Amino acid sequence: MGIPCKHGACALGLSNIDPTTRVSEYFTNNTYKAVYEPIWIPIRGIELWKILKIDPRVRAPILIVRAGHPRMQRKRMEKMPDLVIKLKFCSSSR
């Protein structure tokens, strides 16, 4: 038993059964809090944070130029001709 899928929840709803009664005990908030209670450590205030000597901002990655000729990307809209169809014979004369 676990969490019912959306089809199972719809079937339970059609049978007038509350889908939350079919969820396993492991997925309840009380069980979650009981499991993680001993390892929750509160975060210290901002005044106790360490001041870094380096800039903590994320920088753009360094570009690496790969060996060889770059792969050509097809640009569909530039290469597509206008949608004009040329017929050798008139299609209404057949």
PDB file of N, CA and C in Angstrom:
ATOM      1  N   MET A   1       0.852  -1.175   0.000  1.00  0.00           N
ATOM      2  CA  MET A   1       0.000   0.000   0.000  1.00  0.00           C
ATOM      3  C   MET A   1       0.894   1.234   0.000  1.00  0.00           C
ATOM      4  N   GLY A   2       0.481   2.254  -0.622  1.00  0.00           N
ATOM      5  CA  GLY A   2       1.235   3.499  -0.688  1.00  0.00           C
ATOM      6  C   GLY A   2       0.270   4.637  -0.923  1.00  0.00           C
ATOM      7  N   ILE A   3       0.615   5.513  -1.839  1.00  0.00           N
ATOM      8  CA  ILE A   3      -0.274   6.600  -2.226  1.00  0.00           C
ATOM      9  C   ILE A   3      -1.012   6.143  -3.477  1.00  0.00           C
ATOM     10  N   PRO A   4      -2.354   6.184  -3.484  1.00  0.00           N
ATOM     11  CA  PRO A   4      -3.074   5.734  -4.676  1.00  0.00           C
ATOM     12  C   PRO A   4      -2.825   6.669  -5.858  1.00  0.00           C
ATOM     13  N   CYS A   5      -2.763   6.087  -7.065  1.00  0.00           N
ATOM     14  CA  CYS A   5      -2.583   6.896  -8.266  1.00  0.00           C
ATOM     15  C   CYS A   5      -3.867   7.688  -8.528  1.00  0.00           C
ATOM     16  N   LYS A   6      -3.819   8.577  -9.509  1.00  0.00           N
ATOM     17  CA  LYS A   6      -4.991   9.424  -9.762  1.00  0.00           C
ATOM     18  C   LYS A   6      -6.183   8.611 -10.250  1.00  0.00           C
ATOM     19  N   HIS A   7      -5.921   7.517 -10.970  1.00  0.00           N
ATOM     20  CA  HIS A   7      -7.034   6.679 -11.414  1.00  0.00           C
ATOM     21  C   HIS A   7      -7.665   5.958 -10.225  1.00  0.00           C
ATOM     22  N   GLY A   8      -6.811   5.490  -9.308  1.00  0.00           N
ATOM     23  CA  GLY A   8      -7.320   4.840  -8.103  1.00  0.00           C
ATOM     24  C   GLY A   8      -8.087   5.809  -7.227  1.00  0.00           C
ATOM     25  N   ALA A   9      -7.606   7.059  -7.135  1.00  0.00           N
ATOM     26  CA  ALA A   9      -8.302   8.067  -6.339  1.00  0.00           C
ATOM     27  C   ALA A   9      -9.669   8.384  -6.947  1.00  0.00           C
ATOM     28  N   CYS A  10      -9.749   8.429  -8.283  1.00  0.00           N
ATOM     29  CA  CYS A  10     -11.044   8.664  -8.943  1.00  0.00           C
ATOM     30  C   CYS A  10     -11.995   7.500  -8.694  1.00  0.00           C
ATOM     31  N   ALA A  11     -11.466   6.275  -8.761  1.00  0.00           N
ATOM     32  CA  ALA A  11     -12.313   5.103  -8.519  1.00  0.00           C
ATOM     33  C   ALA A  11     -12.813   5.092  -7.079  1.00  0.00           C
ATOM     34  N   LEU A  12     -11.944   5.470  -6.146  1.00  0.00           N
ATOM     35  CA  LEU A  12     -12.375   5.538  -4.745  1.00  0.00           C
ATOM     36  C   LEU A  12     -13.414   6.639  -4.556  1.00  0.00           C
ATOM     37  N   GLY A  13     -13.237   7.767  -5.266  1.00  0.00           N
ATOM     38  CA  GLY A  13     -14.205   8.856  -5.170  1.00  0.00           C
ATOM     39  C   GLY A  13     -15.563   8.460  -5.711  1.00  0.00           C
ATOM     40  N   LEU A  14     -15.572   7.671  -6.798  1.00  0.00           N
ATOM     41  CA  LEU A  14     -16.844   7.203  -7.347  1.00  0.00           C
ATOM     42  C   LEU A  14     -17.538   6.226  -6.404  1.00  0.00           C
ATOM     43  N   SER A  15     -16.742   5.524  -5.605  1.00  0.00           N
ATOM     44  CA  SER A  15     -17.308   4.577  -4.635  1.00  0.00           C
ATOM     45  C   SER A  15     -17.626   5.242  -3.298  1.00  0.00           C
ATOM     46  N   ASN A  16     -17.523   6.578  -3.246  1.00  0.00           N
ATOM     47  CA  ASN A  16     -17.769   7.361  -2.025  1.00  0.00           C
ATOM     48  C   ASN A  16     -16.841   6.948  -0.880  1.00  0.00           C
ATOM     49  N   ILE A  17     -15.590   6.641  -1.223  1.00  0.00           N
ATOM     50  CA  ILE A  17     -14.573   6.328  -0.223  1.00  0.00           C
ATOM     51  C   ILE A  17     -13.538   7.444  -0.267  1.00  0.00           C
ATOM     52  N   ASP A  18     -13.184   7.974   0.893  1.00  0.00           N
ATOM     53  CA  ASP A  18     -12.197   9.042   0.968  1.00  0.00           C
ATOM     54  C   ASP A  18     -10.821   8.469   0.615  1.00  0.00           C
ATOM     55  N   PRO A  19     -10.148   8.974  -0.443  1.00  0.00           N
ATOM     56  CA  PRO A  19      -8.847   8.426  -0.839  1.00  0.00           C
ATOM     57  C   PRO A  19      -7.771   8.583   0.232  1.00  0.00           C
ATOM     58  N   THR A  20      -7.911   9.566   1.122  1.00  0.00           N
ATOM     59  CA  THR A  20      -6.891   9.752   2.161  1.00  0.00           C
ATOM     60  C   THR A  20      -6.903   8.618   3.180  1.00  0.00           C
ATOM     61  N   THR A  21      -7.996   7.856   3.245  1.00  0.00           N
ATOM     62  CA  THR A  21      -8.023   6.721   4.172  1.00  0.00           C
ATOM     63  C   THR A  21      -7.234   5.541   3.618  1.00  0.00           C
ATOM     64  N   ARG A  22      -6.914   5.559   2.324  1.00  0.00           N
ATOM     65  CA  ARG A  22      -6.191   4.457   1.687  1.00  0.00           C
ATOM     66  C   ARG A  22      -4.688   4.724   1.571  1.00  0.00           C
ATOM     67  N   VAL A  23      -4.218   5.830   2.139  1.00  0.00           N
ATOM     68  CA  VAL A  23      -2.794   6.156   2.105  1.00  0.00           C
ATOM     69  C   VAL A  23      -2.105   5.460   3.271  1.00  0.00           C
ATOM     70  N   SER A  24      -0.918   4.934   3.010  1.00  0.00           N
ATOM     71  CA  SER A  24      -0.166   4.226   4.041  1.00  0.00           C
ATOM     72  C   SER A  24       0.199   5.167   5.189  1.00  0.00           C
ATOM     73  N   GLU A  25       0.362   4.609   6.360  1.00  0.00           N
ATOM     74  CA  GLU A  25       0.715   5.375   7.562  1.00  0.00           C
ATOM     75  C   GLU A  25       2.083   6.052   7.407  1.00  0.00           C
ATOM     76  N   TYR A  26       2.940   5.493   6.547  1.00  0.00           N
ATOM     77  CA  TYR A  26       4.284   6.043   6.364  1.00  0.00           C
ATOM     78  C   TYR A  26       4.272   7.416   5.709  1.00  0.00           C
ATOM     79  N   PHE A  27       3.205   7.772   5.024  1.00  0.00           N
ATOM     80  CA  PHE A  27       3.148   9.028   4.290  1.00  0.00           C
ATOM     81  C   PHE A  27       2.391  10.128   5.031  1.00  0.00           C
ATOM     82  N   THR A  28       2.112   9.955   6.306  1.00  0.00           N
ATOM     83  CA  THR A  28       1.404  10.981   7.071  1.00  0.00           C
ATOM     84  C   THR A  28       2.392  12.005   7.620  1.00  0.00           C
ATOM     85  N   ASN A  29       1.896  13.190   7.934  1.00  0.00           N
ATOM     86  CA  ASN A  29       2.745  14.243   8.486  1.00  0.00           C
ATOM     87  C   ASN A  29       3.308  13.855   9.845  1.00  0.00           C
ATOM     88  N   ASN A  30       2.514  13.172  10.656  1.00  0.00           N
ATOM     89  CA  ASN A  30       2.988  12.794  11.989  1.00  0.00           C
ATOM     90  C   ASN A  30       4.173  11.837  11.907  1.00  0.00           C
ATOM     91  N   THR A  31       4.125  10.873  11.000  1.00  0.00           N
ATOM     92  CA  THR A  31       5.239   9.939  10.838  1.00  0.00           C
ATOM     93  C   THR A  31       6.468  10.667  10.314  1.00  0.00           C
ATOM     94  N   TYR A  32       6.281  11.582   9.374  1.00  0.00           N
ATOM     95  CA  TYR A  32       7.397  12.352   8.822  1.00  0.00           C
ATOM     96  C   TYR A  32       8.090  13.157   9.919  1.00  0.00           C
ATOM     97  N   LYS A  33       7.302  13.836  10.737  1.00  0.00           N
ATOM     98  CA  LYS A  33       7.877  14.635  11.822  1.00  0.00           C
ATOM     99  C   LYS A  33       8.566  13.760  12.855  1.00  0.00           C
ATOM    100  N   ALA A  34       7.997  12.596  13.153  1.00  0.00           N
ATOM    101  CA  ALA A  34       8.601  11.701  14.143  1.00  0.00           C
ATOM    102  C   ALA A  34       9.935  11.139  13.643  1.00  0.00           C
ATOM    103  N   VAL A  35      10.042  10.867  12.353  1.00  0.00           N
ATOM    104  CA  VAL A  35      11.280  10.307  11.803  1.00  0.00           C
ATOM    105  C   VAL A  35      12.395  11.347  11.783  1.00  0.00           C
ATOM    106  N   TYR A  36      12.079  12.567  11.358  1.00  0.00           N
ATOM    107  CA  TYR A  36      13.120  13.574  11.177  1.00  0.00           C
ATOM    108  C   TYR A  36      13.303  14.499  12.375  1.00  0.00           C
ATOM    109  N   GLU A  37      12.570  14.311  13.443  1.00  0.00           N
ATOM    110  CA  GLU A  37      12.681  15.188  14.610  1.00  0.00           C
ATOM    111  C   GLU A  37      14.076  15.176  15.239  1.00  0.00           C
ATOM    112  N   PRO A  38      14.723  14.027  15.420  1.00  0.00           N
ATOM    113  CA  PRO A  38      16.023  14.056  16.089  1.00  0.00           C
ATOM    114  C   PRO A  38      17.140  14.710  15.277  1.00  0.00           C
ATOM    115  N   ILE A  39      17.019  14.814  13.967  1.00  0.00           N
ATOM    116  CA  ILE A  39      18.120  15.358  13.170  1.00  0.00           C
ATOM    117  C   ILE A  39      17.861  16.772  12.661  1.00  0.00           C
ATOM    118  N   TRP A  40      16.775  17.396  13.055  1.00  0.00           N
ATOM    119  CA  TRP A  40      16.535  18.782  12.657  1.00  0.00           C
ATOM    120  C   TRP A  40      17.404  19.691  13.506  1.00  0.00           C
ATOM    121  N   ILE A  41      18.203  20.496  12.832  1.00  0.00           N
ATOM    122  CA  ILE A  41      19.080  21.428  13.531  1.00  0.00           C
ATOM    123  C   ILE A  41      18.658  22.831  13.107  1.00  0.00           C
ATOM    124  N   PRO A  42      18.350  23.696  14.058  1.00  0.00           N
ATOM    125  CA  PRO A  42      17.926  25.045  13.677  1.00  0.00           C
ATOM    126  C   PRO A  42      19.078  25.829  13.044  1.00  0.00           C
ATOM    127  N   ILE A  43      18.732  26.725  12.135  1.00  0.00           N
ATOM    128  CA  ILE A  43      19.730  27.554  11.460  1.00  0.00           C
ATOM    129  C   ILE A  43      20.032  28.752  12.347  1.00  0.00           C
ATOM    130  N   ARG A  44      21.326  29.051  12.472  1.00  0.00           N
ATOM    131  CA  ARG A  44      21.716  30.196  13.290  1.00  0.00           C
ATOM    132  C   ARG A  44      21.326  31.499  12.597  1.00  0.00           C
ATOM    133  N   GLY A  45      21.271  32.557  13.356  1.00  0.00           N
ATOM    134  CA  GLY A  45      20.908  33.854  12.803  1.00  0.00           C
ATOM    135  C   GLY A  45      21.969  34.385  11.855  1.00  0.00           C
ATOM    136  N   ILE A  46      21.600  35.367  11.030  1.00  0.00           N
ATOM    137  CA  ILE A  46      22.504  35.910  10.018  1.00  0.00           C
ATOM    138  C   ILE A  46      23.714  36.590  10.647  1.00  0.00           C
ATOM    139  N   GLU A  47      23.577  37.084  11.859  1.00  0.00           N
ATOM    140  CA  GLU A  47      24.708  37.749  12.511  1.00  0.00           C
ATOM    141  C   GLU A  47      25.805  36.758  12.909  1.00  0.00           C
ATOM    142  N   LEU A  48      25.509  35.465  12.960  1.00  0.00           N
ATOM    143  CA  LEU A  48      26.498  34.447  13.309  1.00  0.00           C
ATOM    144  C   LEU A  48      27.106  33.764  12.084  1.00  0.00           C
ATOM    145  N   TRP A  49      26.709  34.168  10.882  1.00  0.00           N
ATOM    146  CA  TRP A  49      27.237  33.552   9.673  1.00  0.00           C
ATOM    147  C   TRP A  49      28.691  33.966   9.464  1.00  0.00           C
ATOM    148  N   LYS A  50      29.474  33.081   8.847  1.00  0.00           N
ATOM    149  CA  LYS A  50      30.863  33.393   8.539  1.00  0.00           C
ATOM    150  C   LYS A  50      30.903  34.324   7.329  1.00  0.00           C
ATOM    151  N   ILE A  51      31.811  35.300   7.368  1.00  0.00           N
ATOM    152  CA  ILE A  51      31.990  36.203   6.240  1.00  0.00           C
ATOM    153  C   ILE A  51      33.093  35.623   5.366  1.00  0.00           C
ATOM    154  N   LEU A  52      32.777  35.378   4.112  1.00  0.00           N
ATOM    155  CA  LEU A  52      33.725  34.765   3.191  1.00  0.00           C
ATOM    156  C   LEU A  52      34.638  35.816   2.583  1.00  0.00           C
ATOM    157  N   LYS A  53      35.882  35.418   2.301  1.00  0.00           N
ATOM    158  CA  LYS A  53      36.832  36.322   1.668  1.00  0.00           C
ATOM    159  C   LYS A  53      36.719  36.283   0.145  1.00  0.00           C
ATOM    160  N   ILE A  54      35.992  35.300  -0.370  1.00  0.00           N
ATOM    161  CA  ILE A  54      35.812  35.196  -1.817  1.00  0.00           C
ATOM    162  C   ILE A  54      34.399  35.643  -2.179  1.00  0.00           C
ATOM    163  N   ASP A  55      34.203  35.922  -3.446  1.00  0.00           N
ATOM    164  CA  ASP A  55      32.891  36.352  -3.924  1.00  0.00           C
ATOM    165  C   ASP A  55      31.990  35.121  -4.064  1.00  0.00           C
ATOM    166  N   PRO A  56      30.873  35.039  -3.336  1.00  0.00           N
ATOM    167  CA  PRO A  56      30.042  33.834  -3.377  1.00  0.00           C
ATOM    168  C   PRO A  56      29.121  33.742  -4.592  1.00  0.00           C
ATOM    169  N   ARG A  57      29.119  34.757  -5.462  1.00  0.00           N
ATOM    170  CA  ARG A  57      28.217  34.728  -6.604  1.00  0.00           C
ATOM    171  C   ARG A  57      28.643  33.670  -7.612  1.00  0.00           C
ATOM    172  N   VAL A  58      27.689  33.087  -8.270  1.00  0.00           N
ATOM    173  CA  VAL A  58      27.956  32.048  -9.262  1.00  0.00           C
ATOM    174  C   VAL A  58      28.359  32.715 -10.567  1.00  0.00           C
ATOM    175  N   ARG A  59      29.451  32.267 -11.128  1.00  0.00           N
ATOM    176  CA  ARG A  59      29.958  32.817 -12.385  1.00  0.00           C
ATOM    177  C   ARG A  59      29.558  31.926 -13.555  1.00  0.00           C
ATOM    178  N   ALA A  60      29.634  32.489 -14.746  1.00  0.00           N
ATOM    179  CA  ALA A  60      29.357  31.716 -15.958  1.00  0.00           C
ATOM    180  C   ALA A  60      30.479  30.702 -16.156  1.00  0.00           C
ATOM    181  N   PRO A  61      30.168  29.543 -16.715  1.00  0.00           N
ATOM    182  CA  PRO A  61      31.217  28.541 -16.916  1.00  0.00           C
ATOM    183  C   PRO A  61      32.222  28.996 -17.971  1.00  0.00           C
ATOM    184  N   ILE A  62      33.442  28.503 -17.854  1.00  0.00           N
ATOM    185  CA  ILE A  62      34.485  28.818 -18.820  1.00  0.00           C
ATOM    186  C   ILE A  62      34.211  28.005 -20.083  1.00  0.00           C
ATOM    187  N   LEU A  63      34.185  28.699 -21.227  1.00  0.00           N
ATOM    188  CA  LEU A  63      33.896  28.029 -22.487  1.00  0.00           C
ATOM    189  C   LEU A  63      35.104  27.229 -22.944  1.00  0.00           C
ATOM    190  N   ILE A  64      34.866  26.029 -23.395  1.00  0.00           N
ATOM    191  CA  ILE A  64      35.926  25.164 -23.888  1.00  0.00           C
ATOM    192  C   ILE A  64      35.726  25.013 -25.392  1.00  0.00           C
ATOM    193  N   VAL A  65      36.747  25.375 -26.161  1.00  0.00           N
ATOM    194  CA  VAL A  65      36.677  25.243 -27.611  1.00  0.00           C
ATOM    195  C   VAL A  65      37.105  23.827 -27.954  1.00  0.00           C
ATOM    196  N   ARG A  66      36.236  23.090 -28.574  1.00  0.00           N
ATOM    197  CA  ARG A  66      36.515  21.701 -28.908  1.00  0.00           C
ATOM    198  C   ARG A  66      37.216  21.612 -30.263  1.00  0.00           C
ATOM    199  N   ALA A  67      38.008  20.584 -30.432  1.00  0.00           N
ATOM    200  CA  ALA A  67      38.735  20.379 -31.674  1.00  0.00           C
ATOM    201  C   ALA A  67      37.780  19.946 -32.779  1.00  0.00           C
ATOM    202  N   GLY A  68      38.118  20.317 -34.003  1.00  0.00           N
ATOM    203  CA  GLY A  68      37.307  19.898 -35.137  1.00  0.00           C
ATOM    204  C   GLY A  68      36.370  20.992 -35.616  1.00  0.00           C
ATOM    205  N   HIS A  69      35.694  20.689 -36.695  1.00  0.00           N
ATOM    206  CA  HIS A  69      34.764  21.630 -37.309  1.00  0.00           C
ATOM    207  C   HIS A  69      33.445  21.580 -36.543  1.00  0.00           C
ATOM    208  N   PRO A  70      32.854  22.722 -36.211  1.00  0.00           N
ATOM    209  CA  PRO A  70      31.588  22.684 -35.478  1.00  0.00           C
ATOM    210  C   PRO A  70      30.464  22.078 -36.316  1.00  0.00           C
ATOM    211  N   ARG A  71      29.589  21.391 -35.664  1.00  0.00           N
ATOM    212  CA  ARG A  71      28.469  20.760 -36.341  1.00  0.00           C
ATOM    213  C   ARG A  71      27.510  21.824 -36.853  1.00  0.00           C
ATOM    214  N   MET A  72      27.044  21.654 -38.079  1.00  0.00           N
ATOM    215  CA  MET A  72      26.143  22.645 -38.668  1.00  0.00           C
ATOM    216  C   MET A  72      24.718  22.373 -38.205  1.00  0.00           C
ATOM    217  N   GLN A  73      24.105  23.378 -37.668  1.00  0.00           N
ATOM    218  CA  GLN A  73      22.722  23.265 -37.233  1.00  0.00           C
ATOM    219  C   GLN A  73      21.824  23.751 -38.366  1.00  0.00           C
ATOM    220  N   ARG A  74      20.851  22.969 -38.700  1.00  0.00           N
ATOM    221  CA  ARG A  74      19.925  23.333 -39.766  1.00  0.00           C
ATOM    222  C   ARG A  74      18.973  24.400 -39.264  1.00  0.00           C
ATOM    223  N   LYS A  75      18.853  25.460 -40.014  1.00  0.00           N
ATOM    224  CA  LYS A  75      17.898  26.509 -39.693  1.00  0.00           C
ATOM    225  C   LYS A  75      16.728  26.333 -40.642  1.00  0.00           C
ATOM    226  N   ARG A  76      15.697  25.709 -40.156  1.00  0.00           N
ATOM    227  CA  ARG A  76      14.581  25.279 -40.987  1.00  0.00           C
ATOM    228  C   ARG A  76      13.882  26.455 -41.675  1.00  0.00           C
ATOM    229  N   MET A  77      13.604  27.533 -40.970  1.00  0.00           N
ATOM    230  CA  MET A  77      12.805  28.610 -41.549  1.00  0.00           C
ATOM    231  C   MET A  77      13.573  29.368 -42.634  1.00  0.00           C
ATOM    232  N   GLU A  78      14.899  29.473 -42.511  1.00  0.00           N
ATOM    233  CA  GLU A  78      15.660  30.184 -43.523  1.00  0.00           C
ATOM    234  C   GLU A  78      15.782  29.358 -44.800  1.00  0.00           C
ATOM    235  N   LYS A  79      15.894  28.053 -44.677  1.00  0.00           N
ATOM    236  CA  LYS A  79      16.107  27.193 -45.833  1.00  0.00           C
ATOM    237  C   LYS A  79      14.809  26.748 -46.497  1.00  0.00           C
ATOM    238  N   MET A  80      13.679  26.912 -45.822  1.00  0.00           N
ATOM    239  CA  MET A  80      12.409  26.459 -46.385  1.00  0.00           C
ATOM    240  C   MET A  80      11.972  27.419 -47.486  1.00  0.00           C
ATOM    241  N   PRO A  81      11.714  26.924 -48.683  1.00  0.00           N
ATOM    242  CA  PRO A  81      11.212  27.806 -49.740  1.00  0.00           C
ATOM    243  C   PRO A  81       9.748  28.160 -49.465  1.00  0.00           C
ATOM    244  N   ASP A  82       9.271  29.151 -50.183  1.00  0.00           N
ATOM    245  CA  ASP A  82       7.851  29.482 -50.050  1.00  0.00           C
ATOM    246  C   ASP A  82       7.025  28.283 -50.495  1.00  0.00           C
ATOM    247  N   LEU A  83       5.874  28.153 -49.948  1.00  0.00           N
ATOM    248  CA  LEU A  83       5.047  26.990 -50.236  1.00  0.00           C
ATOM    249  C   LEU A  83       4.345  27.142 -51.585  1.00  0.00           C
ATOM    250  N   VAL A  84       5.140  27.155 -52.650  1.00  0.00           N
ATOM    251  CA  VAL A  84       4.623  27.219 -54.013  1.00  0.00           C
ATOM    252  C   VAL A  84       4.883  25.862 -54.637  1.00  0.00           C
ATOM    253  N   ILE A  85       3.845  25.221 -55.118  1.00  0.00           N
ATOM    254  CA  ILE A  85       3.969  23.900 -55.709  1.00  0.00           C
ATOM    255  C   ILE A  85       3.826  24.044 -57.216  1.00  0.00           C
ATOM    256  N   LYS A  86       4.835  23.579 -57.941  1.00  0.00           N
ATOM    257  CA  LYS A  86       4.802  23.651 -59.404  1.00  0.00           C
ATOM    258  C   LYS A  86       4.440  22.272 -59.931  1.00  0.00           C
ATOM    259  N   LEU A  87       3.353  22.206 -60.687  1.00  0.00           N
ATOM    260  CA  LEU A  87       2.903  20.946 -61.270  1.00  0.00           C
ATOM    261  C   LEU A  87       3.233  20.924 -62.754  1.00  0.00           C
ATOM    262  N   LYS A  88       3.607  19.752 -63.241  1.00  0.00           N
ATOM    263  CA  LYS A  88       3.921  19.613 -64.657  1.00  0.00           C
ATOM    264  C   LYS A  88       2.650  19.681 -65.501  1.00  0.00           C
ATOM    265  N   PHE A  89       1.581  19.091 -64.983  1.00  0.00           N
ATOM    266  CA  PHE A  89       0.293  19.101 -65.670  1.00  0.00           C
ATOM    267  C   PHE A  89      -0.758  19.696 -64.745  1.00  0.00           C
ATOM    268  N   CYS A  90      -1.808  20.220 -65.324  1.00  0.00           N
ATOM    269  CA  CYS A  90      -2.907  20.761 -64.538  1.00  0.00           C
ATOM    270  C   CYS A  90      -3.641  19.605 -63.874  1.00  0.00           C
ATOM    271  N   SER A  91      -3.905  19.711 -62.612  1.00  0.00           N
ATOM    272  CA  SER A  91      -4.531  18.605 -61.888  1.00  0.00           C
ATOM    273  C   SER A  91      -6.015  18.466 -62.218  1.00  0.00           C
ATOM    274  N   SER A  92      -6.640  19.503 -62.778  1.00  0.00           N
ATOM    275  CA  SER A  92      -8.066  19.402 -63.091  1.00  0.00           C
ATOM    276  C   SER A  92      -8.315  18.799 -64.473  1.00  0.00           C
ATOM    277  N   SER A  93      -7.263  18.625 -65.294  1.00  0.00           N
ATOM    278  CA  SER A  93      -7.469  18.110 -66.648  1.00  0.00           C
ATOM    279  C   SER A  93      -7.429  16.593 -66.715  1.00  0.00           C
ATOM    280  N   ARG A  94      -7.148  15.943 -65.680  1.00  0.00           N
ATOM    281  CA  ARG A  94      -7.073  14.476 -65.697  1.00  0.00           C
ATOM    282  C   ARG A  94      -8.405  13.859 -65.591  1.00  0.00           C
TER     283      ARG A  94
END
